[in-house]
């Protein structure tokens, strides 16, 4: 049983095939399987690239052959079918853009709609996002103080109260800049 679980240790080779030292140990069979897997993966990728290249060549040769035969009907049908598919995609995009533009312009103030309707969709989305996410400050009302200072009721005739609250006495007696009297 101990012989079954023991595997001979071999250092794993990196992707170039050179030995990395004592990083990770694998058995001989695992190492050979890994190498073989890499080899097959590389072959598959090369084969896929060749297939794509050959398909492109084939379509260009077919078009050239049809032009030589002056078989314009086939070329016309092929171009028209491609044109139809592109036209349907363009109509879908225009409908989406129109509905998105209308939705965005609904959230904009009336006085800005005319100017913003001339922008492209990306810019319009950016601007309306900025307009809708800005936080407005509360308006200041004339006559309301910004901060209220809490004044203590002090008997200024009593020397002990004056001593305890001397800072407030000085603060109240100093004129603030910009305050009119």
N, C-alpha and C. Protein backbone atom coordinates (compact mmCIF):
# COMPACT_ATOMS: atom_id res chain seq x y z
N UNK A 1 0.83 -1.18 0.00
CA UNK A 1 0.00 0.00 0.00
C UNK A 1 0.87 1.24 0.00
N UNK A 2 1.96 1.21 0.70
CA UNK A 2 2.83 2.38 0.73
C UNK A 2 3.50 2.58 -0.62
N UNK A 3 3.68 1.51 -1.37
CA UNK A 3 4.27 1.64 -2.69
C UNK A 3 3.29 2.29 -3.67
N UNK A 4 1.97 2.03 -3.51
CA UNK A 4 0.97 2.60 -4.39
C UNK A 4 0.86 4.12 -4.20
N UNK A 5 0.95 4.59 -3.00
CA UNK A 5 0.76 6.02 -2.74
C UNK A 5 2.01 6.82 -3.01
N UNK A 6 3.19 6.19 -2.95
CA UNK A 6 4.42 6.92 -3.24
C UNK A 6 4.55 7.10 -4.74
N UNK A 7 4.98 8.33 -5.12
CA UNK A 7 5.21 8.62 -6.52
C UNK A 7 6.61 9.21 -6.63
N UNK A 8 7.32 8.88 -7.67
CA UNK A 8 8.64 9.47 -7.81
C UNK A 8 8.49 10.98 -8.05
N UNK A 9 9.32 11.77 -7.38
CA UNK A 9 9.21 13.22 -7.47
C UNK A 9 10.16 13.77 -8.52
N UNK A 10 9.59 14.61 -9.38
CA UNK A 10 10.36 15.25 -10.44
C UNK A 10 9.95 16.72 -10.43
N UNK A 11 10.90 17.62 -10.63
CA UNK A 11 10.54 19.05 -10.63
C UNK A 11 9.78 19.38 -11.91
N UNK A 12 8.80 20.28 -11.79
CA UNK A 12 7.96 20.67 -12.91
C UNK A 12 8.74 21.61 -13.81
N UNK A 13 8.63 21.37 -15.12
CA UNK A 13 9.31 22.24 -16.08
C UNK A 13 8.40 23.42 -16.39
N UNK A 14 8.97 24.61 -16.60
CA UNK A 14 8.14 25.77 -16.94
C UNK A 14 7.73 25.69 -18.39
N UNK A 15 7.03 26.72 -18.88
CA UNK A 15 6.43 26.65 -20.22
C UNK A 15 7.46 26.53 -21.33
N UNK A 16 8.71 26.93 -21.10
CA UNK A 16 9.74 26.81 -22.13
C UNK A 16 10.41 25.44 -22.08
N UNK A 17 10.15 24.67 -21.04
CA UNK A 17 10.72 23.34 -20.95
C UNK A 17 11.96 23.28 -20.07
N UNK A 18 12.38 24.38 -19.50
CA UNK A 18 13.55 24.39 -18.63
C UNK A 18 13.12 24.02 -17.22
N UNK A 19 14.02 23.43 -16.45
CA UNK A 19 13.73 23.01 -15.10
C UNK A 19 13.72 24.22 -14.17
N UNK A 20 12.72 24.27 -13.25
CA UNK A 20 12.62 25.40 -12.34
C UNK A 20 13.32 25.13 -11.02
N UNK A 21 13.78 23.97 -10.80
CA UNK A 21 14.47 23.69 -9.54
C UNK A 21 13.57 22.85 -8.67
N UNK A 22 13.38 23.26 -7.43
CA UNK A 22 12.61 22.49 -6.47
C UNK A 22 11.30 23.18 -6.13
N UNK A 23 10.67 23.87 -7.08
CA UNK A 23 9.43 24.61 -6.80
C UNK A 23 8.28 23.66 -6.50
N UNK A 24 7.86 22.86 -7.47
CA UNK A 24 6.74 21.95 -7.30
C UNK A 24 7.17 20.59 -7.83
N UNK A 25 6.79 19.53 -7.15
CA UNK A 25 7.18 18.17 -7.54
C UNK A 25 5.97 17.45 -8.12
N UNK A 26 6.16 16.79 -9.26
CA UNK A 26 5.12 15.98 -9.89
C UNK A 26 5.72 14.63 -10.27
N UNK A 27 4.84 13.69 -10.49
CA UNK A 27 5.32 12.39 -10.92
C UNK A 27 5.70 12.45 -12.39
N UNK A 28 6.43 11.46 -12.85
CA UNK A 28 6.86 11.41 -14.26
C UNK A 28 5.65 11.39 -15.19
N UNK A 29 4.63 10.64 -14.84
CA UNK A 29 3.46 10.54 -15.71
C UNK A 29 2.71 11.87 -15.76
N UNK A 30 2.59 12.54 -14.60
CA UNK A 30 1.91 13.84 -14.59
C UNK A 30 2.68 14.86 -15.41
N UNK A 31 4.00 14.81 -15.30
CA UNK A 31 4.84 15.75 -16.04
C UNK A 31 4.71 15.52 -17.54
N UNK A 32 4.73 14.26 -17.95
CA UNK A 32 4.62 13.98 -19.38
C UNK A 32 3.22 14.31 -19.89
N UNK A 33 2.20 14.09 -19.07
CA UNK A 33 0.84 14.43 -19.48
C UNK A 33 0.67 15.95 -19.61
N UNK A 34 1.28 16.69 -18.71
CA UNK A 34 1.21 18.15 -18.78
C UNK A 34 1.87 18.65 -20.06
N UNK A 35 3.04 18.10 -20.37
CA UNK A 35 3.75 18.50 -21.58
C UNK A 35 2.93 18.16 -22.82
N UNK A 36 2.35 16.96 -22.82
CA UNK A 36 1.55 16.53 -23.96
C UNK A 36 0.30 17.40 -24.12
N UNK A 37 -0.32 17.77 -23.00
CA UNK A 37 -1.49 18.64 -23.02
C UNK A 37 -1.14 20.00 -23.63
N UNK A 38 -0.01 20.56 -23.24
CA UNK A 38 0.43 21.85 -23.78
C UNK A 38 0.66 21.75 -25.28
N UNK A 39 1.25 20.64 -25.69
CA UNK A 39 1.53 20.44 -27.10
C UNK A 39 0.23 20.36 -27.91
N UNK A 40 -0.77 19.62 -27.42
CA UNK A 40 -2.04 19.51 -28.11
C UNK A 40 -2.78 20.85 -28.13
N UNK A 41 -2.73 21.59 -27.04
CA UNK A 41 -3.38 22.89 -26.98
C UNK A 41 -2.78 23.84 -28.01
N UNK A 42 -1.47 23.81 -28.13
CA UNK A 42 -0.80 24.68 -29.10
C UNK A 42 -1.18 24.28 -30.53
N UNK A 43 -1.24 22.99 -30.80
CA UNK A 43 -1.64 22.52 -32.13
C UNK A 43 -3.07 22.96 -32.45
N UNK A 44 -3.97 22.87 -31.46
CA UNK A 44 -5.36 23.24 -31.67
C UNK A 44 -5.48 24.74 -31.97
N UNK A 45 -4.72 25.55 -31.25
CA UNK A 45 -4.75 26.99 -31.49
C UNK A 45 -4.22 27.33 -32.88
N UNK A 46 -3.16 26.68 -33.27
CA UNK A 46 -2.61 26.91 -34.61
C UNK A 46 -3.61 26.48 -35.68
N UNK A 47 -4.29 25.35 -35.45
CA UNK A 47 -5.27 24.85 -36.42
C UNK A 47 -6.45 25.82 -36.53
N UNK A 48 -6.91 26.35 -35.41
CA UNK A 48 -8.02 27.31 -35.44
C UNK A 48 -7.63 28.57 -36.19
N UNK A 49 -6.41 29.04 -36.00
CA UNK A 49 -5.94 30.24 -36.70
C UNK A 49 -5.88 29.97 -38.20
N UNK A 50 -5.41 28.78 -38.60
CA UNK A 50 -5.34 28.44 -40.02
C UNK A 50 -6.73 28.34 -40.62
N UNK A 51 -7.67 27.78 -39.88
CA UNK A 51 -9.05 27.65 -40.38
C UNK A 51 -9.65 29.03 -40.63
N UNK A 52 -9.47 29.94 -39.70
CA UNK A 52 -10.02 31.29 -39.87
C UNK A 52 -9.39 31.97 -41.08
N UNK A 53 -8.08 31.81 -41.24
CA UNK A 53 -7.38 32.41 -42.38
C UNK A 53 -7.88 31.82 -43.70
N UNK A 54 -8.05 30.51 -43.74
CA UNK A 54 -8.52 29.85 -44.95
C UNK A 54 -9.97 30.24 -45.28
N UNK A 55 -10.81 30.42 -44.27
CA UNK A 55 -12.19 30.84 -44.53
C UNK A 55 -12.22 32.23 -45.15
N UNK A 56 -11.36 33.12 -44.68
CA UNK A 56 -11.28 34.46 -45.27
C UNK A 56 -10.83 34.38 -46.73
N UNK A 57 -9.82 33.57 -46.97
CA UNK A 57 -9.33 33.41 -48.34
C UNK A 57 -10.42 32.82 -49.23
N UNK A 58 -11.15 31.84 -48.72
CA UNK A 58 -12.19 31.19 -49.49
C UNK A 58 -13.27 32.19 -49.90
N UNK A 59 -13.73 33.02 -48.96
CA UNK A 59 -14.77 33.99 -49.31
C UNK A 59 -14.27 35.01 -50.32
N UNK A 60 -13.02 35.45 -50.18
CA UNK A 60 -12.49 36.41 -51.15
C UNK A 60 -12.33 35.76 -52.52
N UNK A 61 -11.91 34.50 -52.60
CA UNK A 61 -11.78 33.79 -53.87
C UNK A 61 -13.16 33.60 -54.49
N UNK A 62 -14.15 33.28 -53.67
CA UNK A 62 -15.51 33.07 -54.18
C UNK A 62 -16.06 34.36 -54.77
N UNK A 63 -15.85 35.48 -54.09
CA UNK A 63 -16.30 36.77 -54.62
C UNK A 63 -15.58 37.10 -55.93
N UNK A 64 -14.27 36.84 -55.98
CA UNK A 64 -13.52 37.11 -57.21
C UNK A 64 -14.04 36.24 -58.36
N UNK A 65 -14.35 34.98 -58.07
CA UNK A 65 -14.86 34.07 -59.09
C UNK A 65 -16.21 34.54 -59.62
N UNK A 66 -17.06 35.00 -58.69
CA UNK A 66 -18.38 35.48 -59.12
C UNK A 66 -18.24 36.75 -59.96
N UNK A 67 -17.30 37.59 -59.63
CA UNK A 67 -17.08 38.80 -60.43
C UNK A 67 -16.58 38.44 -61.82
N UNK A 68 -15.71 37.45 -61.88
CA UNK A 68 -15.18 37.03 -63.18
C UNK A 68 -16.30 36.45 -64.05
N UNK A 69 -17.18 35.70 -63.45
CA UNK A 69 -18.28 35.11 -64.20
C UNK A 69 -19.36 36.14 -64.48
N UNK A 70 -19.19 37.31 -63.91
CA UNK A 70 -20.18 38.37 -64.03
C UNK A 70 -21.53 37.90 -63.50
N UNK A 71 -21.46 37.21 -62.42
CA UNK A 71 -22.66 36.73 -61.76
C UNK A 71 -23.05 37.76 -60.69
N UNK A 72 -23.50 38.89 -61.19
CA UNK A 72 -23.79 40.00 -60.30
C UNK A 72 -25.05 39.76 -59.47
N UNK A 73 -25.90 38.89 -59.95
CA UNK A 73 -27.13 38.62 -59.20
C UNK A 73 -26.81 38.01 -57.85
N UNK A 74 -25.89 37.06 -57.81
CA UNK A 74 -25.49 36.43 -56.56
C UNK A 74 -24.82 37.44 -55.64
N UNK A 75 -23.95 38.26 -56.23
CA UNK A 75 -23.27 39.29 -55.44
C UNK A 75 -24.29 40.29 -54.89
N UNK A 76 -25.26 40.66 -55.71
CA UNK A 76 -26.28 41.60 -55.29
C UNK A 76 -27.11 41.03 -54.14
N UNK A 77 -27.51 39.77 -54.27
CA UNK A 77 -28.29 39.13 -53.21
C UNK A 77 -27.52 39.05 -51.91
N UNK A 78 -26.25 38.75 -52.02
CA UNK A 78 -25.40 38.64 -50.84
C UNK A 78 -25.27 40.02 -50.16
N UNK A 79 -25.01 41.04 -50.94
CA UNK A 79 -24.85 42.39 -50.40
C UNK A 79 -26.17 42.91 -49.84
N UNK A 80 -27.28 42.60 -50.51
CA UNK A 80 -28.58 43.09 -50.03
C UNK A 80 -28.98 42.42 -48.71
N UNK A 81 -28.67 41.13 -48.57
CA UNK A 81 -29.00 40.45 -47.30
C UNK A 81 -28.17 41.03 -46.15
N UNK A 82 -26.91 41.31 -46.43
CA UNK A 82 -26.06 41.93 -45.41
C UNK A 82 -26.57 43.33 -45.09
N UNK A 83 -26.99 44.05 -46.10
CA UNK A 83 -27.52 45.40 -45.92
C UNK A 83 -28.79 45.39 -45.07
N UNK A 84 -29.66 44.42 -45.31
CA UNK A 84 -30.90 44.31 -44.54
C UNK A 84 -30.62 44.04 -43.07
N UNK A 85 -29.68 43.16 -42.80
CA UNK A 85 -29.36 42.86 -41.40
C UNK A 85 -28.77 44.09 -40.70
N UNK A 86 -27.94 44.82 -41.42
CA UNK A 86 -27.36 46.04 -40.84
C UNK A 86 -28.42 47.12 -40.67
N UNK A 87 -29.36 47.20 -41.58
CA UNK A 87 -30.42 48.20 -41.48
C UNK A 87 -31.31 47.92 -40.29
N UNK A 88 -31.63 46.65 -40.05
CA UNK A 88 -32.47 46.33 -38.89
C UNK A 88 -31.75 46.67 -37.58
N UNK A 89 -30.44 46.41 -37.55
CA UNK A 89 -29.66 46.76 -36.36
C UNK A 89 -29.63 48.27 -36.17
N UNK A 90 -29.49 49.01 -37.25
CA UNK A 90 -29.47 50.47 -37.17
C UNK A 90 -30.81 51.01 -36.68
N UNK A 91 -31.93 50.43 -37.14
CA UNK A 91 -33.26 50.87 -36.69
C UNK A 91 -33.44 50.61 -35.21
N UNK A 92 -32.98 49.44 -34.74
CA UNK A 92 -33.07 49.13 -33.31
C UNK A 92 -32.28 50.14 -32.49
N UNK A 93 -31.09 50.46 -32.96
CA UNK A 93 -30.24 51.42 -32.24
C UNK A 93 -30.88 52.79 -32.21
N UNK A 94 -31.44 53.24 -33.33
CA UNK A 94 -32.08 54.56 -33.37
C UNK A 94 -33.27 54.61 -32.43
N UNK A 95 -34.05 53.54 -32.37
CA UNK A 95 -35.21 53.50 -31.47
C UNK A 95 -34.74 53.55 -30.02
N UNK A 96 -33.70 52.80 -29.70
CA UNK A 96 -33.15 52.81 -28.34
C UNK A 96 -32.65 54.21 -27.99
N UNK A 97 -31.89 54.81 -28.90
CA UNK A 97 -31.32 56.13 -28.63
C UNK A 97 -32.42 57.17 -28.44
N UNK A 98 -33.45 57.10 -29.24
CA UNK A 98 -34.56 58.06 -29.12
C UNK A 98 -35.28 57.91 -27.79
N UNK A 99 -35.55 56.67 -27.38
CA UNK A 99 -36.26 56.46 -26.11
C UNK A 99 -35.37 56.86 -24.93
N UNK A 100 -34.09 56.55 -25.01
CA UNK A 100 -33.16 56.91 -23.93
C UNK A 100 -33.03 58.43 -23.82
N UNK A 101 -32.94 59.10 -24.97
CA UNK A 101 -32.83 60.56 -24.99
C UNK A 101 -34.09 61.19 -24.37
N UNK A 102 -35.28 60.67 -24.72
CA UNK A 102 -36.53 61.19 -24.16
C UNK A 102 -36.57 60.99 -22.65
N UNK A 103 -36.13 59.83 -22.19
CA UNK A 103 -36.12 59.55 -20.76
C UNK A 103 -35.18 60.50 -20.03
N UNK A 104 -34.01 60.74 -20.60
CA UNK A 104 -33.05 61.64 -19.96
C UNK A 104 -33.55 63.08 -19.95
N UNK A 105 -34.16 63.50 -21.04
CA UNK A 105 -34.62 64.89 -21.13
C UNK A 105 -35.82 65.16 -20.22
N UNK A 106 -36.55 64.11 -19.83
CA UNK A 106 -37.67 64.29 -18.90
C UNK A 106 -37.19 64.73 -17.53
N UNK A 107 -36.00 64.33 -17.14
CA UNK A 107 -35.49 64.65 -15.81
C UNK A 107 -34.74 65.97 -15.76
N UNK A 108 -34.73 66.70 -16.87
CA UNK A 108 -34.00 67.96 -16.96
C UNK A 108 -34.99 69.12 -16.86
N UNK A 109 -34.61 70.23 -16.23
CA UNK A 109 -35.50 71.39 -16.18
C UNK A 109 -35.87 71.88 -17.59
N UNK A 110 -37.06 72.46 -17.72
CA UNK A 110 -37.59 72.88 -19.02
C UNK A 110 -36.66 73.84 -19.75
N UNK A 111 -36.06 74.79 -19.03
CA UNK A 111 -35.23 75.79 -19.70
C UNK A 111 -33.95 75.19 -20.28
N UNK A 112 -33.56 74.01 -19.84
CA UNK A 112 -32.34 73.37 -20.34
C UNK A 112 -32.59 72.33 -21.43
N UNK A 113 -33.84 71.91 -21.63
CA UNK A 113 -34.14 70.83 -22.57
C UNK A 113 -33.71 71.14 -23.99
N UNK A 114 -33.95 72.35 -24.45
CA UNK A 114 -33.61 72.70 -25.83
C UNK A 114 -32.12 72.61 -26.08
N UNK A 115 -31.34 73.15 -25.15
CA UNK A 115 -29.88 73.12 -25.32
C UNK A 115 -29.33 71.71 -25.22
N UNK A 116 -29.85 70.93 -24.28
CA UNK A 116 -29.33 69.58 -24.07
C UNK A 116 -29.79 68.60 -25.15
N UNK A 117 -30.88 68.88 -25.84
CA UNK A 117 -31.37 67.96 -26.86
C UNK A 117 -30.42 67.89 -28.06
N UNK A 118 -29.54 68.86 -28.21
CA UNK A 118 -28.59 68.88 -29.33
C UNK A 118 -27.35 68.04 -29.06
N UNK A 119 -27.13 67.61 -27.82
CA UNK A 119 -25.94 66.84 -27.47
C UNK A 119 -26.07 65.39 -27.91
N UNK A 120 -24.92 64.72 -28.09
CA UNK A 120 -24.97 63.30 -28.40
C UNK A 120 -25.35 62.53 -27.13
N UNK A 121 -25.68 61.26 -27.27
CA UNK A 121 -26.26 60.48 -26.18
C UNK A 121 -25.31 60.35 -24.99
N UNK A 122 -24.02 60.06 -25.23
CA UNK A 122 -23.07 59.90 -24.13
C UNK A 122 -22.95 61.18 -23.32
N UNK A 123 -22.82 62.30 -24.01
CA UNK A 123 -22.68 63.59 -23.33
C UNK A 123 -23.96 63.93 -22.58
N UNK A 124 -25.10 63.65 -23.18
CA UNK A 124 -26.38 63.92 -22.53
C UNK A 124 -26.52 63.10 -21.25
N UNK A 125 -26.14 61.83 -21.29
CA UNK A 125 -26.19 60.99 -20.09
C UNK A 125 -25.30 61.56 -19.00
N UNK A 126 -24.11 61.99 -19.37
CA UNK A 126 -23.16 62.54 -18.39
C UNK A 126 -23.73 63.81 -17.76
N UNK A 127 -24.23 64.73 -18.59
CA UNK A 127 -24.73 66.01 -18.09
C UNK A 127 -25.95 65.81 -17.21
N UNK A 128 -26.90 65.00 -17.64
CA UNK A 128 -28.10 64.79 -16.82
C UNK A 128 -27.77 64.09 -15.51
N UNK A 129 -26.79 63.20 -15.55
CA UNK A 129 -26.35 62.55 -14.33
C UNK A 129 -25.79 63.58 -13.36
N UNK A 130 -24.98 64.50 -13.88
CA UNK A 130 -24.41 65.56 -13.04
C UNK A 130 -25.51 66.47 -12.49
N UNK A 131 -26.46 66.82 -13.33
CA UNK A 131 -27.55 67.72 -12.89
C UNK A 131 -28.37 67.05 -11.79
N UNK A 132 -28.68 65.78 -11.97
CA UNK A 132 -29.55 65.10 -11.02
C UNK A 132 -28.85 64.70 -9.73
N UNK A 133 -27.54 64.58 -9.74
CA UNK A 133 -26.85 64.15 -8.53
C UNK A 133 -26.27 65.30 -7.72
N UNK A 134 -26.32 66.54 -8.21
CA UNK A 134 -25.80 67.64 -7.42
C UNK A 134 -26.73 67.91 -6.27
N UNK A 135 -26.15 68.11 -5.11
CA UNK A 135 -26.92 68.37 -3.91
C UNK A 135 -27.00 69.88 -3.72
N UNK A 136 -28.20 70.38 -3.64
CA UNK A 136 -28.35 71.81 -3.46
C UNK A 136 -28.28 72.13 -1.97
N UNK A 137 -27.65 73.26 -1.68
CA UNK A 137 -27.56 73.71 -0.30
C UNK A 137 -28.88 74.35 0.10
N UNK A 138 -29.16 74.31 1.38
CA UNK A 138 -30.37 74.96 1.87
C UNK A 138 -30.21 76.46 1.69
N UNK A 139 -31.22 77.13 1.19
CA UNK A 139 -31.08 78.58 0.96
C UNK A 139 -30.99 79.33 2.29
N UNK A 140 -30.19 80.37 2.26
CA UNK A 140 -30.06 81.19 3.45
C UNK A 140 -31.21 82.19 3.47
N UNK A 141 -31.77 82.38 4.63
CA UNK A 141 -32.88 83.30 4.79
C UNK A 141 -32.34 84.52 5.52
N UNK A 142 -32.64 85.69 4.99
CA UNK A 142 -32.16 86.92 5.62
C UNK A 142 -32.77 87.06 7.00
N UNK A 143 -31.95 87.45 7.94
CA UNK A 143 -32.43 87.67 9.30
C UNK A 143 -32.19 86.50 10.22
N UNK A 144 -31.89 85.35 9.68
CA UNK A 144 -31.60 84.20 10.53
C UNK A 144 -30.11 84.13 10.79
N UNK A 145 -29.72 84.02 12.03
CA UNK A 145 -28.28 83.90 12.31
C UNK A 145 -27.79 82.53 11.88
N UNK A 146 -26.54 82.47 11.50
CA UNK A 146 -25.97 81.18 11.07
C UNK A 146 -25.77 80.25 12.25
N UNK A 147 -25.25 80.79 13.33
CA UNK A 147 -25.05 79.96 14.52
C UNK A 147 -25.60 80.71 15.71
N UNK A 148 -26.16 79.99 16.58
CA UNK A 148 -26.70 80.60 17.79
C UNK A 148 -25.72 80.31 18.92
N UNK A 149 -25.35 81.37 19.59
CA UNK A 149 -24.46 81.21 20.74
C UNK A 149 -25.32 81.14 22.00
N UNK A 150 -24.96 80.24 22.80
CA UNK A 150 -25.69 80.05 24.03
C UNK A 150 -25.11 81.00 25.08
N UNK A 151 -25.93 81.89 25.52
CA UNK A 151 -25.46 82.86 26.51
C UNK A 151 -25.93 82.41 27.89
N UNK A 152 -25.00 82.46 28.79
CA UNK A 152 -25.33 82.12 30.16
C UNK A 152 -25.86 83.35 30.87
N UNK A 153 -26.79 83.15 31.76
CA UNK A 153 -27.28 84.26 32.56
C UNK A 153 -26.32 84.43 33.73
N UNK A 154 -25.65 85.54 33.69
CA UNK A 154 -24.62 85.80 34.69
C UNK A 154 -24.97 87.11 35.41
N UNK A 155 -24.79 87.10 36.67
CA UNK A 155 -24.96 88.33 37.45
C UNK A 155 -23.62 89.05 37.42
N UNK A 156 -23.55 90.09 36.58
CA UNK A 156 -22.28 90.78 36.38
C UNK A 156 -21.92 91.70 37.56
N UNK A 157 -22.81 91.83 38.46
CA UNK A 157 -22.51 92.62 39.65
C UNK A 157 -21.81 91.77 40.69
N UNK A 158 -21.90 90.48 40.57
CA UNK A 158 -21.26 89.56 41.50
C UNK A 158 -19.85 89.27 41.00
N UNK A 159 -18.80 89.59 41.75
CA UNK A 159 -17.42 89.37 41.29
C UNK A 159 -17.10 87.89 41.03
N UNK A 160 -17.67 86.98 41.78
CA UNK A 160 -17.38 85.56 41.57
C UNK A 160 -17.94 85.09 40.21
N UNK A 161 -19.16 85.52 39.84
CA UNK A 161 -19.75 85.18 38.54
C UNK A 161 -18.93 85.78 37.42
N UNK A 162 -18.44 87.02 37.62
CA UNK A 162 -17.63 87.67 36.60
C UNK A 162 -16.33 86.91 36.38
N UNK A 163 -15.73 86.45 37.47
CA UNK A 163 -14.47 85.71 37.37
C UNK A 163 -14.70 84.37 36.65
N UNK A 164 -15.75 83.70 36.94
CA UNK A 164 -16.03 82.39 36.35
C UNK A 164 -16.37 82.50 34.87
N UNK A 165 -16.96 83.63 34.44
CA UNK A 165 -17.40 83.79 33.06
C UNK A 165 -16.68 84.93 32.36
N UNK A 166 -15.44 85.17 32.70
CA UNK A 166 -14.68 86.29 32.15
C UNK A 166 -14.53 86.17 30.62
N UNK A 167 -14.33 84.98 30.09
CA UNK A 167 -14.18 84.78 28.66
C UNK A 167 -15.41 85.22 27.89
N UNK A 168 -16.60 84.90 28.42
CA UNK A 168 -17.83 85.31 27.76
C UNK A 168 -18.01 86.81 27.84
N UNK A 169 -17.60 87.43 28.94
CA UNK A 169 -17.69 88.87 29.10
C UNK A 169 -16.84 89.57 28.04
N UNK A 170 -15.61 89.08 27.82
CA UNK A 170 -14.71 89.66 26.82
C UNK A 170 -15.29 89.44 25.42
N UNK A 171 -15.79 88.26 25.15
CA UNK A 171 -16.34 87.93 23.85
C UNK A 171 -17.53 88.83 23.50
N UNK A 172 -18.37 89.10 24.45
CA UNK A 172 -19.54 89.93 24.22
C UNK A 172 -19.17 91.40 24.06
N UNK A 173 -18.08 91.84 24.66
CA UNK A 173 -17.73 93.25 24.61
C UNK A 173 -16.93 93.62 23.37
N UNK A 174 -16.28 92.64 22.69
CA UNK A 174 -15.48 92.91 21.50
C UNK A 174 -16.41 93.00 20.29
N UNK A 175 -16.24 94.07 19.47
CA UNK A 175 -17.05 94.20 18.26
C UNK A 175 -16.56 93.23 17.20
N UNK A 176 -17.47 92.64 16.52
CA UNK A 176 -17.13 91.72 15.45
C UNK A 176 -16.93 92.53 14.17
N UNK A 177 -15.94 92.16 13.32
CA UNK A 177 -15.74 92.90 12.09
C UNK A 177 -16.94 92.75 11.16
N UNK A 178 -17.34 93.85 10.55
CA UNK A 178 -18.47 93.80 9.61
C UNK A 178 -19.79 94.00 10.29
N UNK A 179 -19.84 94.03 11.62
CA UNK A 179 -21.11 94.22 12.32
C UNK A 179 -21.32 95.73 12.49
N UNK A 180 -22.51 96.17 12.20
CA UNK A 180 -22.79 97.58 12.33
C UNK A 180 -23.49 97.84 13.64
N UNK A 181 -23.22 99.00 14.23
CA UNK A 181 -23.85 99.29 15.51
C UNK A 181 -24.72 100.51 15.45
